[in-house]
Amino acid sequence: MLKISPRTAQTWRDEGKISFSQVGNKIYYKLSDIERTMQEYYNKSFAKK
């Protein structure tokens, strides 16, 4: 969905940027948590003058 590498996802987990659940070797993310994180780090485009 995010089209990021597994290493980027690991880094974001380590930095506490995204919440997750782990069952065995599987990592799960709540869609609402991902959406909230994307809104938190959202930057509007800069208007050209």
PDB file of N, CA and C in Angstrom:
ATOM      1  N   MET A   1       0.819  -1.194   0.000  1.00  0.00           N
ATOM      2  CA  MET A   1       0.000   0.000   0.000  1.00  0.00           C
ATOM      3  C   MET A   1       0.865   1.261   0.000  1.00  0.00           C
ATOM      4  N   LEU A   2       1.855   1.312   0.859  1.00  0.00           N
ATOM      5  CA  LEU A   2       2.718   2.494   0.938  1.00  0.00           C
ATOM      6  C   LEU A   2       3.847   2.451  -0.078  1.00  0.00           C
ATOM      7  N   LYS A   3       4.097   1.276  -0.621  1.00  0.00           N
ATOM      8  CA  LYS A   3       5.179   1.084  -1.590  1.00  0.00           C
ATOM      9  C   LYS A   3       6.526   1.525  -1.022  1.00  0.00           C
ATOM     10  N   ILE A   4       6.802   1.025   0.187  1.00  0.00           N
ATOM     11  CA  ILE A   4       8.084   1.273   0.835  1.00  0.00           C
ATOM     12  C   ILE A   4       8.788  -0.068   1.024  1.00  0.00           C
ATOM     13  N   SER A   5      10.075  -0.020   1.207  1.00  0.00           N
ATOM     14  CA  SER A   5      10.833  -1.257   1.404  1.00  0.00           C
ATOM     15  C   SER A   5      10.612  -1.784   2.824  1.00  0.00           C
ATOM     16  N   PRO A   6      10.831  -3.079   3.015  1.00  0.00           N
ATOM     17  CA  PRO A   6      10.738  -3.632   4.366  1.00  0.00           C
ATOM     18  C   PRO A   6      11.689  -2.924   5.339  1.00  0.00           C
ATOM     19  N   ARG A   7      12.850  -2.512   4.855  1.00  0.00           N
ATOM     20  CA  ARG A   7      13.817  -1.825   5.719  1.00  0.00           C
ATOM     21  C   ARG A   7      13.276  -0.472   6.171  1.00  0.00           C
ATOM     22  N   THR A   8      12.600   0.254   5.278  1.00  0.00           N
ATOM     23  CA  THR A   8      12.000   1.535   5.658  1.00  0.00           C
ATOM     24  C   THR A   8      10.930   1.314   6.717  1.00  0.00           C
ATOM     25  N   ALA A   9      10.103   0.296   6.535  1.00  0.00           N
ATOM     26  CA  ALA A   9       9.075  -0.023   7.531  1.00  0.00           C
ATOM     27  C   ALA A   9       9.712  -0.347   8.878  1.00  0.00           C
ATOM     28  N   GLN A  10      10.817  -1.103   8.858  1.00  0.00           N
ATOM     29  CA  GLN A  10      11.534  -1.436  10.094  1.00  0.00           C
ATOM     30  C   GLN A  10      12.063  -0.178  10.774  1.00  0.00           C
ATOM     31  N   THR A  11      12.633   0.719   9.989  1.00  0.00           N
ATOM     32  CA  THR A  11      13.170   1.972  10.536  1.00  0.00           C
ATOM     33  C   THR A  11      12.057   2.787  11.173  1.00  0.00           C
ATOM     34  N   TRP A  12      10.918   2.898  10.494  1.00  0.00           N
ATOM     35  CA  TRP A  12       9.788   3.659  11.025  1.00  0.00           C
ATOM     36  C   TRP A  12       9.275   3.026  12.322  1.00  0.00           C
ATOM     37  N   ARG A  13       9.265   1.688  12.388  1.00  0.00           N
ATOM     38  CA  ARG A  13       8.863   1.015  13.638  1.00  0.00           C
ATOM     39  C   ARG A  13       9.858   1.331  14.741  1.00  0.00           C
ATOM     40  N   ASP A  14      11.148   1.243  14.429  1.00  0.00           N
ATOM     41  CA  ASP A  14      12.195   1.508  15.423  1.00  0.00           C
ATOM     42  C   ASP A  14      12.128   2.948  15.938  1.00  0.00           C
ATOM     43  N   GLU A  15      11.799   3.879  15.053  1.00  0.00           N
ATOM     44  CA  GLU A  15      11.717   5.296  15.422  1.00  0.00           C
ATOM     45  C   GLU A  15      10.394   5.654  16.084  1.00  0.00           C
ATOM     46  N   GLY A  16       9.453   4.710  16.136  1.00  0.00           N
ATOM     47  CA  GLY A  16       8.157   4.956  16.756  1.00  0.00           C
ATOM     48  C   GLY A  16       7.219   5.774  15.883  1.00  0.00           C
ATOM     49  N   LYS A  17       7.499   5.840  14.593  1.00  0.00           N
ATOM     50  CA  LYS A  17       6.646   6.623  13.683  1.00  0.00           C
ATOM     51  C   LYS A  17       5.349   5.899  13.349  1.00  0.00           C
ATOM     52  N   ILE A  18       5.381   4.565  13.345  1.00  0.00           N
ATOM     53  CA  ILE A  18       4.180   3.800  13.048  1.00  0.00           C
ATOM     54  C   ILE A  18       3.983   2.725  14.115  1.00  0.00           C
ATOM     55  N   SER A  19       2.733   2.500  14.452  1.00  0.00           N
ATOM     56  CA  SER A  19       2.380   1.450  15.409  1.00  0.00           C
ATOM     57  C   SER A  19       2.200   0.146  14.661  1.00  0.00           C
ATOM     58  N   PHE A  20       2.381  -0.957  15.355  1.00  0.00           N
ATOM     59  CA  PHE A  20       2.238  -2.262  14.707  1.00  0.00           C
ATOM     60  C   PHE A  20       1.937  -3.331  15.740  1.00  0.00           C
ATOM     61  N   SER A  21       1.463  -4.449  15.239  1.00  0.00           N
ATOM     62  CA  SER A  21       1.266  -5.653  16.043  1.00  0.00           C
ATOM     63  C   SER A  21       2.080  -6.753  15.390  1.00  0.00           C
ATOM     64  N   GLN A  22       2.595  -7.651  16.203  1.00  0.00           N
ATOM     65  CA  GLN A  22       3.369  -8.756  15.665  1.00  0.00           C
ATOM     66  C   GLN A  22       2.822 -10.057  16.208  1.00  0.00           C
ATOM     67  N   VAL A  23       2.530 -10.979  15.291  1.00  0.00           N
ATOM     68  CA  VAL A  23       2.092 -12.321  15.643  1.00  0.00           C
ATOM     69  C   VAL A  23       3.068 -13.267  14.958  1.00  0.00           C
ATOM     70  N   GLY A  24       3.891 -13.915  15.748  1.00  0.00           N
ATOM     71  CA  GLY A  24       4.939 -14.753  15.171  1.00  0.00           C
ATOM     72  C   GLY A  24       5.905 -13.866  14.400  1.00  0.00           C
ATOM     73  N   ASN A  25       6.127 -14.189  13.143  1.00  0.00           N
ATOM     74  CA  ASN A  25       7.026 -13.399  12.302  1.00  0.00           C
ATOM     75  C   ASN A  25       6.300 -12.366  11.456  1.00  0.00           C
ATOM     76  N   LYS A  26       4.974 -12.311  11.574  1.00  0.00           N
ATOM     77  CA  LYS A  26       4.171 -11.397  10.758  1.00  0.00           C
ATOM     78  C   LYS A  26       3.981 -10.070  11.477  1.00  0.00           C
ATOM     79  N   ILE A  27       4.092  -8.975  10.716  1.00  0.00           N
ATOM     80  CA  ILE A  27       3.875  -7.626  11.231  1.00  0.00           C
ATOM     81  C   ILE A  27       2.571  -7.118  10.643  1.00  0.00           C
ATOM     82  N   TYR A  28       1.715  -6.548  11.478  1.00  0.00           N
ATOM     83  CA  TYR A  28       0.428  -6.019  11.039  1.00  0.00           C
ATOM     84  C   TYR A  28       0.321  -4.547  11.415  1.00  0.00           C
ATOM     85  N   TYR A  29      -0.329  -3.783  10.527  1.00  0.00           N
ATOM     86  CA  TYR A  29      -0.540  -2.358  10.752  1.00  0.00           C
ATOM     87  C   TYR A  29      -2.028  -2.065  10.623  1.00  0.00           C
ATOM     88  N   LYS A  30      -2.563  -1.242  11.502  1.00  0.00           N
ATOM     89  CA  LYS A  30      -3.947  -0.804  11.376  1.00  0.00           C
ATOM     90  C   LYS A  30      -4.004   0.301  10.330  1.00  0.00           C
ATOM     91  N   LEU A  31      -4.975   0.218   9.439  1.00  0.00           N
ATOM     92  CA  LEU A  31      -5.128   1.230   8.399  1.00  0.00           C
ATOM     93  C   LEU A  31      -5.315   2.607   9.024  1.00  0.00           C
ATOM     94  N   SER A  32      -6.077   2.702  10.102  1.00  0.00           N
ATOM     95  CA  SER A  32      -6.312   4.001  10.757  1.00  0.00           C
ATOM     96  C   SER A  32      -5.007   4.578  11.307  1.00  0.00           C
ATOM     97  N   ASP A  33      -4.111   3.734  11.804  1.00  0.00           N
ATOM     98  CA  ASP A  33      -2.814   4.209  12.311  1.00  0.00           C
ATOM     99  C   ASP A  33      -1.944   4.734  11.172  1.00  0.00           C
ATOM    100  N   ILE A  34      -1.964   4.037  10.035  1.00  0.00           N
ATOM    101  CA  ILE A  34      -1.177   4.467   8.882  1.00  0.00           C
ATOM    102  C   ILE A  34      -1.712   5.802   8.358  1.00  0.00           C
ATOM    103  N   GLU A  35      -3.035   5.907   8.248  1.00  0.00           N
ATOM    104  CA  GLU A  35      -3.636   7.154   7.765  1.00  0.00           C
ATOM    105  C   GLU A  35      -3.313   8.319   8.697  1.00  0.00           C
ATOM    106  N   ARG A  36      -3.368   8.079   9.999  1.00  0.00           N
ATOM    107  CA  ARG A  36      -3.062   9.135  10.981  1.00  0.00           C
ATOM    108  C   ARG A  36      -1.596   9.561  10.856  1.00  0.00           C
ATOM    109  N   THR A  37      -0.705   8.609  10.682  1.00  0.00           N
ATOM    110  CA  THR A  37       0.721   8.913  10.522  1.00  0.00           C
ATOM    111  C   THR A  37       0.957   9.721   9.257  1.00  0.00           C
ATOM    112  N   MET A  38       0.299   9.351   8.173  1.00  0.00           N
ATOM    113  CA  MET A  38       0.473  10.078   6.911  1.00  0.00           C
ATOM    114  C   MET A  38      -0.036  11.521   7.049  1.00  0.00           C
ATOM    115  N   GLN A  39      -1.118  11.723   7.764  1.00  0.00           N
ATOM    116  CA  GLN A  39      -1.627  13.079   7.994  1.00  0.00           C
ATOM    117  C   GLN A  39      -0.656  13.881   8.860  1.00  0.00           C
ATOM    118  N   GLU A  40      -0.083  13.235   9.842  1.00  0.00           N
ATOM    119  CA  GLU A  40       0.849  13.886  10.759  1.00  0.00           C
ATOM    120  C   GLU A  40       2.095  14.398  10.040  1.00  0.00           C
ATOM    121  N   TYR A  41       2.569  13.642   9.060  1.00  0.00           N
ATOM    122  CA  TYR A  41       3.794  14.004   8.346  1.00  0.00           C
ATOM    123  C   TYR A  41       3.520  14.654   6.987  1.00  0.00           C
ATOM    124  N   TYR A  42       2.269  15.021   6.749  1.00  0.00           N
ATOM    125  CA  TYR A  42       1.860  15.604   5.470  1.00  0.00           C
ATOM    126  C   TYR A  42       2.445  17.002   5.296  1.00  0.00           C
ATOM    127  N   ASN A  43       2.994  17.275   4.117  1.00  0.00           N
ATOM    128  CA  ASN A  43       3.498  18.612   3.770  1.00  0.00           C
ATOM    129  C   ASN A  43       2.759  19.073   2.528  1.00  0.00           C
ATOM    130  N   LYS A  44       2.197  20.256   2.581  1.00  0.00           N
ATOM    131  CA  LYS A  44       1.532  20.800   1.406  1.00  0.00           C
ATOM    132  C   LYS A  44       2.581  21.212   0.384  1.00  0.00           C
ATOM    133  N   SER A  45       2.179  21.141  -0.890  1.00  0.00           N
ATOM    134  CA  SER A  45       3.111  21.552  -1.938  1.00  0.00           C
ATOM    135  C   SER A  45       3.306  23.049  -1.883  1.00  0.00           C
ATOM    136  N   PHE A  46       4.448  23.488  -2.339  1.00  0.00           N
ATOM    137  CA  PHE A  46       4.777  24.901  -2.336  1.00  0.00           C
ATOM    138  C   PHE A  46       4.279  25.537  -3.621  1.00  0.00           C
ATOM    139  N   ALA A  47       3.602  26.672  -3.498  1.00  0.00           N
ATOM    140  CA  ALA A  47       3.089  27.379  -4.673  1.00  0.00           C
ATOM    141  C   ALA A  47       4.223  28.177  -5.326  1.00  0.00           C
ATOM    142  N   LYS A  48       4.289  28.083  -6.636  1.00  0.00           N
ATOM    143  CA  LYS A  48       5.299  28.866  -7.365  1.00  0.00           C
ATOM    144  C   LYS A  48       4.767  30.271  -7.584  1.00  0.00           C
ATOM    145  N   LYS A  49       5.624  31.243  -7.388  1.00  0.00           N
ATOM    146  CA  LYS A  49       5.206  32.624  -7.577  1.00  0.00           C
ATOM    147  C   LYS A  49       5.918  33.233  -8.753  1.00  0.00           C
TER     148      LYS A  49
END
